PDB file of N, CA and C in Angstrom:
ATOM      1  N   MET A   1      16.988 -10.627  17.131  1.00  0.00           N
ATOM      2  CA  MET A   1      16.524 -11.947  16.428  1.00  0.00           C
ATOM      3  C   MET A   1      16.261 -10.762  15.309  1.00  0.00           C
ATOM      4  N   LEU A   2      16.666 -11.547  14.127  1.00  0.00           N
ATOM      5  CA  LEU A   2      16.042 -10.949  12.249  1.00  0.00           C
ATOM      6  C   LEU A   2      15.255 -11.015  11.783  1.00  0.00           C
ATOM      7  N   ILE A   3      14.090  -9.938  11.648  1.00  0.00           N
ATOM      8  CA  ILE A   3      12.735 -11.154  11.477  1.00  0.00           C
ATOM      9  C   ILE A   3      12.888 -10.580   9.254  1.00  0.00           C
ATOM     10  N   ARG A   4      11.621 -10.409   8.704  1.00  0.00           N
ATOM     11  CA  ARG A   4      11.683 -10.088   7.467  1.00  0.00           C
ATOM     12  C   ARG A   4      10.566 -10.091   7.318  1.00  0.00           C
ATOM     13  N   LYS A   5       9.489  -8.777   7.423  1.00  0.00           N
ATOM     14  CA  LYS A   5       7.972  -7.908   6.722  1.00  0.00           C
ATOM     15  C   LYS A   5       8.782  -7.991   5.227  1.00  0.00           C
ATOM     16  N   ARG A   6       6.973  -8.228   4.801  1.00  0.00           N
ATOM     17  CA  ARG A   6       6.459  -7.708   3.825  1.00  0.00           C
ATOM     18  C   ARG A   6       5.151  -6.954   3.526  1.00  0.00           C
ATOM     19  N   VAL A   7       5.216  -5.911   3.361  1.00  0.00           N
ATOM     20  CA  VAL A   7       3.730  -4.724   3.969  1.00  0.00           C
ATOM     21  C   VAL A   7       3.690  -4.809   2.529  1.00  0.00           C
ATOM     22  N   LEU A   8       1.787  -4.373   2.083  1.00  0.00           N
ATOM     23  CA  LEU A   8       1.725  -3.935   1.300  1.00  0.00           C
ATOM     24  C   LEU A   8       0.885  -3.238   1.957  1.00  0.00           C
ATOM     25  N   TYR A   9       0.648  -1.687   0.898  1.00  0.00           N
ATOM     26  CA  TYR A   9      -0.058  -0.175   1.504  1.00  0.00           C
ATOM     27  C   TYR A   9      -0.845  -0.403  -0.027  1.00  0.00           C
ATOM     28  N   SER A  10      -1.836   0.739   0.534  1.00  0.00           N
ATOM     29  CA  SER A  10      -3.141   0.904  -0.124  1.00  0.00           C
ATOM     30  C   SER A  10      -3.465   2.112  -0.384  1.00  0.00           C
ATOM     31  N   GLY A  11      -4.444   3.054  -0.972  1.00  0.00           N
ATOM     32  CA  GLY A  11      -4.819   4.205  -0.825  1.00  0.00           C
ATOM     33  C   GLY A  11      -3.990   4.898  -2.267  1.00  0.00           C
ATOM     34  N   GLN A  12      -3.884   6.466  -1.944  1.00  0.00           N
ATOM     35  CA  GLN A  12      -3.035   6.904  -2.595  1.00  0.00           C
ATOM     36  C   GLN A  12      -1.702   6.987  -2.070  1.00  0.00           C
ATOM     37  N   VAL A  13      -1.315   5.734  -2.660  1.00  0.00           N
ATOM     38  CA  VAL A  13       0.394   6.103  -2.197  1.00  0.00           C
ATOM     39  C   VAL A  13       1.582   6.078  -3.510  1.00  0.00           C
ATOM     40  N   GLN A  14       1.102   5.309  -4.534  1.00  0.00           N
ATOM     41  CA  GLN A  14       2.120   5.857  -5.645  1.00  0.00           C
ATOM     42  C   GLN A  14       1.194   7.228  -6.451  1.00  0.00           C
ATOM     43  N   GLY A  15       3.315   7.871  -6.363  1.00  0.00           N
ATOM     44  CA  GLY A  15       2.582   9.515  -7.283  1.00  0.00           C
ATOM     45  C   GLY A  15       2.948  10.808  -5.388  1.00  0.00           C
ATOM     46  N   VAL A  16       3.083   9.993  -4.880  1.00  0.00           N
ATOM     47  CA  VAL A  16       3.458  11.243  -3.543  1.00  0.00           C
ATOM     48  C   VAL A  16       4.771  10.731  -3.050  1.00  0.00           C
ATOM     49  N   GLY A  17       5.627  10.578  -3.161  1.00  0.00           N
ATOM     50  CA  GLY A  17       6.863  10.234  -2.629  1.00  0.00           C
ATOM     51  C   GLY A  17       7.227   8.899  -1.924  1.00  0.00           C
ATOM     52  N   PHE A  18       6.588   7.936  -2.008  1.00  0.00           N
ATOM     53  CA  PHE A  18       6.488   7.296  -1.065  1.00  0.00           C
ATOM     54  C   PHE A  18       7.784   6.435  -0.772  1.00  0.00           C
ATOM     55  N   ARG A  19       8.263   5.833  -2.342  1.00  0.00           N
ATOM     56  CA  ARG A  19       9.923   5.051  -2.065  1.00  0.00           C
ATOM     57  C   ARG A  19      10.197   5.743  -1.672  1.00  0.00           C
ATOM     58  N   TYR A  20      10.291   7.582  -2.280  1.00  0.00           N
ATOM     59  CA  TYR A  20      11.483   8.161  -1.454  1.00  0.00           C
ATOM     60  C   TYR A  20      11.438   8.288  -0.278  1.00  0.00           C
ATOM     61  N   ALA A  21      10.000   8.485   0.586  1.00  0.00           N
ATOM     62  CA  ALA A  21      10.177   8.673   1.918  1.00  0.00           C
ATOM     63  C   ALA A  21      10.185   7.583   2.404  1.00  0.00           C
ATOM     64  N   ALA A  22      10.490   6.253   2.157  1.00  0.00           N
ATOM     65  CA  ALA A  22      10.663   5.248   2.613  1.00  0.00           C
ATOM     66  C   ALA A  22      12.416   4.495   2.625  1.00  0.00           C
ATOM     67  N   GLN A  23      12.664   4.654   1.323  1.00  0.00           N
ATOM     68  CA  GLN A  23      14.414   5.127   1.574  1.00  0.00           C
ATOM     69  C   GLN A  23      14.115   5.985   2.271  1.00  0.00           C
ATOM     70  N   ARG A  24      14.271   7.209   3.094  1.00  0.00           N
ATOM     71  CA  ARG A  24      14.851   8.269   3.011  1.00  0.00           C
ATOM     72  C   ARG A  24      14.859   7.587   5.058  1.00  0.00           C
ATOM     73  N   ILE A  25      13.847   7.722   5.591  1.00  0.00           N
ATOM     74  CA  ILE A  25      13.811   6.372   6.664  1.00  0.00           C
ATOM     75  C   ILE A  25      14.479   5.048   6.905  1.00  0.00           C
ATOM     76  N   ALA A  26      14.798   4.434   5.629  1.00  0.00           N
ATOM     77  CA  ALA A  26      15.412   3.341   5.712  1.00  0.00           C
ATOM     78  C   ALA A  26      17.496   3.560   5.945  1.00  0.00           C
ATOM     79  N   GLN A  27      17.311   5.194   5.971  1.00  0.00           N
ATOM     80  CA  GLN A  27      18.702   5.568   6.253  1.00  0.00           C
ATOM     81  C   GLN A  27      18.900   5.823   7.441  1.00  0.00           C
ATOM     82  N   GLY A  28      19.834   5.233   7.787  1.00  0.00           N
ATOM     83  CA  GLY A  28      20.235   5.632   8.902  1.00  0.00           C
ATOM     84  C   GLY A  28      20.530   4.192   9.885  1.00  0.00           C
ATOM     85  N   LEU A  29      18.722   3.623   9.774  1.00  0.00           N
ATOM     86  CA  LEU A  29      18.570   2.595  10.271  1.00  0.00           C
ATOM     87  C   LEU A  29      19.704   1.651   9.941  1.00  0.00           C
ATOM     88  N   GLU A  30      19.424   0.365  10.827  1.00  0.00           N
ATOM     89  CA  GLU A  30      19.936  -1.293  10.125  1.00  0.00           C
ATOM     90  C   GLU A  30      18.811  -1.987   9.534  1.00  0.00           C
ATOM     91  N   VAL A  31      18.477  -1.273   8.450  1.00  0.00           N
ATOM     92  CA  VAL A  31      17.065  -2.141   8.096  1.00  0.00           C
ATOM     93  C   VAL A  31      17.661  -2.337   6.870  1.00  0.00           C
ATOM     94  N   ALA A  32      17.370  -3.763   5.706  1.00  0.00           N
ATOM     95  CA  ALA A  32      17.265  -3.785   4.637  1.00  0.00           C
ATOM     96  C   ALA A  32      16.316  -4.008   3.575  1.00  0.00           C
ATOM     97  N   GLY A  33      16.334  -4.214   2.688  1.00  0.00           N
ATOM     98  CA  GLY A  33      14.799  -4.838   2.080  1.00  0.00           C
ATOM     99  C   GLY A  33      14.991  -3.663   0.656  1.00  0.00           C
ATOM    100  N   SER A  34      13.750  -3.250   0.443  1.00  0.00           N
ATOM    101  CA  SER A  34      13.437  -2.204  -0.782  1.00  0.00           C
ATOM    102  C   SER A  34      11.801  -1.325  -1.008  1.00  0.00           C
ATOM    103  N   VAL A  35      11.641  -1.187  -1.976  1.00  0.00           N
ATOM    104  CA  VAL A  35      10.211  -1.152  -1.655  1.00  0.00           C
ATOM    105  C   VAL A  35       9.803  -0.743  -2.912  1.00  0.00           C
ATOM    106  N   CYS A  36       9.263  -0.891  -3.948  1.00  0.00           N
ATOM    107  CA  CYS A  36       8.506  -1.179  -5.105  1.00  0.00           C
ATOM    108  C   CYS A  36       6.982  -0.760  -5.387  1.00  0.00           C
ATOM    109  N   ASN A  37       6.464  -0.041  -6.115  1.00  0.00           N
ATOM    110  CA  ASN A  37       5.462   0.207  -6.678  1.00  0.00           C
ATOM    111  C   ASN A  37       4.922  -0.815  -7.555  1.00  0.00           C
ATOM    112  N   LEU A  38       3.757  -1.337  -7.178  1.00  0.00           N
ATOM    113  CA  LEU A  38       3.189  -2.813  -8.176  1.00  0.00           C
ATOM    114  C   LEU A  38       1.895  -1.977  -9.064  1.00  0.00           C
ATOM    115  N   SER A  39       1.754  -2.972  -9.736  1.00  0.00           N
ATOM    116  CA  SER A  39       0.312  -2.535 -10.532  1.00  0.00           C
ATOM    117  C   SER A  39      -0.871  -2.328 -10.326  1.00  0.00           C
ATOM    118  N   THR A  40      -1.107  -2.891  -8.867  1.00  0.00           N
ATOM    119  CA  THR A  40      -2.074  -3.042  -8.379  1.00  0.00           C
ATOM    120  C   THR A  40      -2.525  -1.242  -7.960  1.00  0.00           C
ATOM    121  N   GLY A  41      -1.145  -0.948  -7.855  1.00  0.00           N
ATOM    122  CA  GLY A  41      -1.765   0.662  -7.416  1.00  0.00           C
ATOM    123  C   GLY A  41      -1.606   0.127  -5.805  1.00  0.00           C
ATOM    124  N   GLN A  42      -0.512  -1.032  -5.550  1.00  0.00           N
ATOM    125  CA  GLN A  42       0.010  -0.394  -4.011  1.00  0.00           C
ATOM    126  C   GLN A  42       1.001  -0.200  -4.128  1.00  0.00           C
ATOM    127  N   VAL A  43       1.947  -0.105  -2.684  1.00  0.00           N
ATOM    128  CA  VAL A  43       3.263  -0.140  -3.064  1.00  0.00           C
ATOM    129  C   VAL A  43       3.811  -1.605  -1.863  1.00  0.00           C
ATOM    130  N   GLU A  44       4.602  -1.621  -2.338  1.00  0.00           N
ATOM    131  CA  GLU A  44       5.157  -3.107  -1.440  1.00  0.00           C
ATOM    132  C   GLU A  44       6.773  -2.420  -0.554  1.00  0.00           C
ATOM    133  N   VAL A  45       6.950  -2.742   0.414  1.00  0.00           N
ATOM    134  CA  VAL A  45       7.851  -2.861   1.493  1.00  0.00           C
ATOM    135  C   VAL A  45       8.325  -4.349   1.949  1.00  0.00           C
ATOM    136  N   ILE A  46       9.661  -4.249   1.496  1.00  0.00           N
ATOM    137  CA  ILE A  46      10.556  -5.396   2.057  1.00  0.00           C
ATOM    138  C   ILE A  46      10.926  -5.150   3.117  1.00  0.00           C
ATOM    139  N   ALA A  47      11.395  -4.987   4.233  1.00  0.00           N
ATOM    140  CA  ALA A  47      12.010  -5.147   5.246  1.00  0.00           C
ATOM    141  C   ALA A  47      12.373  -5.869   5.994  1.00  0.00           C
ATOM    142  N   GLU A  48      14.195  -6.135   6.621  1.00  0.00           N
ATOM    143  CA  GLU A  48      14.372  -7.034   6.865  1.00  0.00           C
ATOM    144  C   GLU A  48      15.701  -6.325   8.146  1.00  0.00           C
ATOM    145  N   GLY A  49      15.721  -6.796   9.179  1.00  0.00           N
ATOM    146  CA  GLY A  49      17.191  -6.426  10.636  1.00  0.00           C
ATOM    147  C   GLY A  49      16.114  -6.439  11.571  1.00  0.00           C
ATOM    148  N   GLU A  50      16.500  -6.716  12.613  1.00  0.00           N
ATOM    149  CA  GLU A  50      15.620  -6.454  14.127  1.00  0.00           C
ATOM    150  C   GLU A  50      14.541  -6.488  14.289  1.00  0.00           C
ATOM    151  N   ALA A  51      13.608  -6.880  15.005  1.00  0.00           N
ATOM    152  CA  ALA A  51      12.616  -6.532  15.064  1.00  0.00           C
ATOM    153  C   ALA A  51      12.267  -5.134  15.241  1.00  0.00           C
ATOM    154  N   SER A  52      12.711  -4.757  16.836  1.00  0.00           N
ATOM    155  CA  SER A  52      12.332  -3.450  17.385  1.00  0.00           C
ATOM    156  C   SER A  52      12.581  -2.845  16.219  1.00  0.00           C
ATOM    157  N   VAL A  53      14.059  -2.530  15.336  1.00  0.00           N
ATOM    158  CA  VAL A  53      14.387  -1.739  14.490  1.00  0.00           C
ATOM    159  C   VAL A  53      13.181  -1.447  12.968  1.00  0.00           C
ATOM    160  N   VAL A  54      12.834  -3.298  12.534  1.00  0.00           N
ATOM    161  CA  VAL A  54      11.682  -2.890  11.797  1.00  0.00           C
ATOM    162  C   VAL A  54      10.639  -2.329  11.711  1.00  0.00           C
ATOM    163  N   ALA A  55      10.177  -2.930  13.113  1.00  0.00           N
ATOM    164  CA  ALA A  55       9.082  -1.769  13.490  1.00  0.00           C
ATOM    165  C   ALA A  55       9.423  -0.971  13.535  1.00  0.00           C
ATOM    166  N   GLY A  56      10.103  -0.403  14.337  1.00  0.00           N
ATOM    167  CA  GLY A  56       9.820   1.677  14.256  1.00  0.00           C
ATOM    168  C   GLY A  56       9.798   2.170  13.007  1.00  0.00           C
ATOM    169  N   PHE A  57      11.369   1.326  11.373  1.00  0.00           N
ATOM    170  CA  PHE A  57      10.683   2.019  10.530  1.00  0.00           C
ATOM    171  C   PHE A  57       9.953   1.603   9.524  1.00  0.00           C
ATOM    172  N   LEU A  58       8.838   0.690   9.999  1.00  0.00           N
ATOM    173  CA  LEU A  58       6.702   0.779   9.840  1.00  0.00           C
ATOM    174  C   LEU A  58       6.381   1.508  10.087  1.00  0.00           C
ATOM    175  N   ARG A  59       6.404   2.297  11.759  1.00  0.00           N
ATOM    176  CA  ARG A  59       5.958   2.831  12.022  1.00  0.00           C
ATOM    177  C   ARG A  59       5.717   4.212  12.178  1.00  0.00           C
ATOM    178  N   ARG A  60       7.540   4.358  11.237  1.00  0.00           N
ATOM    179  CA  ARG A  60       7.577   5.548  10.577  1.00  0.00           C
ATOM    180  C   ARG A  60       7.355   6.297   9.265  1.00  0.00           C
ATOM    181  N   ILE A  61       7.229   5.085   8.638  1.00  0.00           N
ATOM    182  CA  ILE A  61       6.511   5.421   7.110  1.00  0.00           C
ATOM    183  C   ILE A  61       5.375   5.216   6.912  1.00  0.00           C
ATOM    184  N   ALA A  62       4.288   4.932   8.819  1.00  0.00           N
ATOM    185  CA  ALA A  62       2.763   4.971   8.587  1.00  0.00           C
ATOM    186  C   ALA A  62       2.483   5.831   9.516  1.00  0.00           C
ATOM    187  N   GLN A  63       3.421   6.269   9.489  1.00  0.00           N
ATOM    188  CA  GLN A  63       3.571   8.200  10.671  1.00  0.00           C
ATOM    189  C   GLN A  63       3.472   9.280   9.226  1.00  0.00           C
ATOM    190  N   GLN A  64       4.828   9.187   8.713  1.00  0.00           N
ATOM    191  CA  GLN A  64       4.910  10.117   7.245  1.00  0.00           C
ATOM    192  C   GLN A  64       3.894  10.170   6.612  1.00  0.00           C
ATOM    193  N   MET A  65       3.707   8.604   6.323  1.00  0.00           N
ATOM    194  CA  MET A  65       2.314   8.784   5.313  1.00  0.00           C
ATOM    195  C   MET A  65       1.361   8.696   5.693  1.00  0.00           C
ATOM    196  N   ALA A  66       0.813   8.972   6.491  1.00  0.00           N
ATOM    197  CA  ALA A  66      -0.641   8.498   6.896  1.00  0.00           C
ATOM    198  C   ALA A  66      -1.858   9.417   5.894  1.00  0.00           C
ATOM    199  N   GLY A  67      -1.606  10.452   5.681  1.00  0.00           N
ATOM    200  CA  GLY A  67      -2.618  11.056   5.156  1.00  0.00           C
ATOM    201  C   GLY A  67      -2.660   9.942   3.629  1.00  0.00           C
ATOM    202  N   HIS A  68      -2.006   9.185   3.074  1.00  0.00           N
ATOM    203  CA  HIS A  68      -2.102   8.460   1.699  1.00  0.00           C
ATOM    204  C   HIS A  68      -1.995   6.731   2.141  1.00  0.00           C
ATOM    205  N   ILE A  69      -1.970   6.474   3.134  1.00  0.00           N
ATOM    206  CA  ILE A  69      -2.368   5.221   3.166  1.00  0.00           C
ATOM    207  C   ILE A  69      -3.403   4.944   4.274  1.00  0.00           C
ATOM    208  N   HIS A  70      -4.563   3.982   2.977  1.00  0.00           N
ATOM    209  CA  HIS A  70      -6.016   3.992   4.056  1.00  0.00           C
ATOM    210  C   HIS A  70      -6.010   2.367   4.187  1.00  0.00           C
ATOM    211  N   ASP A  71      -5.107   1.617   4.249  1.00  0.00           N
ATOM    212  CA  ASP A  71      -5.087  -0.098   4.143  1.00  0.00           C
ATOM    213  C   ASP A  71      -3.410  -0.968   4.781  1.00  0.00           C
ATOM    214  N   THR A  72      -3.395  -1.219   5.470  1.00  0.00           N
ATOM    215  CA  THR A  72      -1.834  -1.767   4.995  1.00  0.00           C
ATOM    216  C   THR A  72      -2.243  -3.870   5.851  1.00  0.00           C
ATOM    217  N   GLN A  73      -1.353  -3.983   4.249  1.00  0.00           N
ATOM    218  CA  GLN A  73      -1.548  -5.500   4.855  1.00  0.00           C
ATOM    219  C   GLN A  73       0.162  -6.404   5.456  1.00  0.00           C
ATOM    220  N   GLU A  74       0.603  -6.919   6.249  1.00  0.00           N
ATOM    221  CA  GLU A  74       1.564  -6.902   7.073  1.00  0.00           C
ATOM    222  C   GLU A  74       1.722  -8.553   6.871  1.00  0.00           C
ATOM    223  N   PHE A  75       2.547  -9.288   6.376  1.00  0.00           N
ATOM    224  CA  PHE A  75       3.253 -10.671   6.815  1.00  0.00           C
ATOM    225  C   PHE A  75       4.413 -11.062   6.969  1.00  0.00           C
ATOM    226  N   GLU A  76       4.875 -11.679   7.795  1.00  0.00           N
ATOM    227  CA  GLU A  76       6.015 -12.526   8.274  1.00  0.00           C
ATOM    228  C   GLU A  76       6.738 -12.987   7.437  1.00  0.00           C
ATOM    229  N   GLU A  77       7.982 -12.838   6.920  1.00  0.00           N
ATOM    230  CA  GLU A  77       8.426 -14.233   5.806  1.00  0.00           C
ATOM    231  C   GLU A  77       9.667 -14.561   6.410  1.00  0.00           C
ATOM    232  N   PRO A  78      10.451 -15.369   5.734  1.00  0.00           N
ATOM    233  CA  PRO A  78      11.427 -15.953   6.044  1.00  0.00           C
ATOM    234  C   PRO A  78      12.923 -15.477   5.675  1.00  0.00           C
ATOM    235  N   VAL A  79      13.476 -14.979   6.739  1.00  0.00           N
ATOM    236  CA  VAL A  79      14.929 -14.389   6.985  1.00  0.00           C
ATOM    237  C   VAL A  79      16.102 -14.209   5.445  1.00  0.00           C
ATOM    238  N   GLN A  80      15.834 -13.452   4.425  1.00  0.00           N
ATOM    239  CA  GLN A  80      16.541 -14.342   3.302  1.00  0.00           C
ATOM    240  C   GLN A  80      17.982 -12.797   3.182  1.00  0.00           C
ATOM    241  N   SER A  81      18.939 -12.248   4.366  1.00  0.00           N
ATOM    242  CA  SER A  81      19.986 -11.926   4.447  1.00  0.00           C
ATOM    243  C   SER A  81      20.365 -10.576   4.069  1.00  0.00           C
ATOM    244  N   LEU A  82      19.529 -10.162   3.154  1.00  0.00           N
ATOM    245  CA  LEU A  82      19.548  -8.542   2.352  1.00  0.00           C
ATOM    246  C   LEU A  82      20.163  -7.976   3.121  1.00  0.00           C
ATOM    247  N   THR A  83      20.751  -7.239   2.209  1.00  0.00           N
ATOM    248  CA  THR A  83      21.732  -5.969   2.854  1.00  0.00           C
ATOM    249  C   THR A  83      21.331  -5.006   1.822  1.00  0.00           C
ATOM    250  N   GLY A  84      21.066  -3.400   2.217  1.00  0.00           N
ATOM    251  CA  GLY A  84      21.045  -2.399   1.962  1.00  0.00           C
ATOM    252  C   GLY A  84      19.600  -2.321   1.654  1.00  0.00           C
ATOM    253  N   PHE A  85      19.104  -0.880   1.235  1.00  0.00           N
ATOM    254  CA  PHE A  85      17.838  -0.701   0.889  1.00  0.00           C
ATOM    255  C   PHE A  85      16.760   0.154  -0.490  1.00  0.00           C
ATOM    256  N   THR A  86      16.702  -0.716  -0.951  1.00  0.00           N
ATOM    257  CA  THR A  86      16.898   0.280  -2.715  1.00  0.00           C
ATOM    258  C   THR A  86      15.311  -0.012  -2.845  1.00  0.00           C
ATOM    259  N   ILE A  87      14.725   1.161  -3.926  1.00  0.00           N
ATOM    260  CA  ILE A  87      14.132   1.210  -4.470  1.00  0.00           C
ATOM    261  C   ILE A  87      14.023   0.705  -6.508  1.00  0.00           C
ATOM    262  N   LEU A  88      12.943  -0.495  -5.776  1.00  0.00           N
ATOM    263  CA  LEU A  88      12.625  -1.301  -6.950  1.00  0.00           C
ATOM    264  C   LEU A  88      11.281  -0.670  -8.157  1.00  0.00           C
ATOM    265  N   HIS A  89      12.096  -0.544  -9.364  1.00  0.00           N
ATOM    266  CA  HIS A  89      11.018   0.209 -10.858  1.00  0.00           C
ATOM    267  C   HIS A  89      10.313  -1.146 -11.285  1.00  0.00           C
TER     268      HIS A  89
END
């Protein structure tokens, strides 16, 4: 079953390579979406794919960036059939 998650990460998440780490993690996984810095100081990740793949992707981000993340907000949204994973500016 395909799902879509929108995740907001707070803490020292900008200027530490967060977006590039998320993009590297997405490579080789069947996950589509995007990552971008928000004006609030948060980083937003959109991830679509099979539930287990999305969960694994988000878990790997949390593990790799654990020292920078202080809070995570996760929202389930309607699937939009995205393709590829991109960094938005």
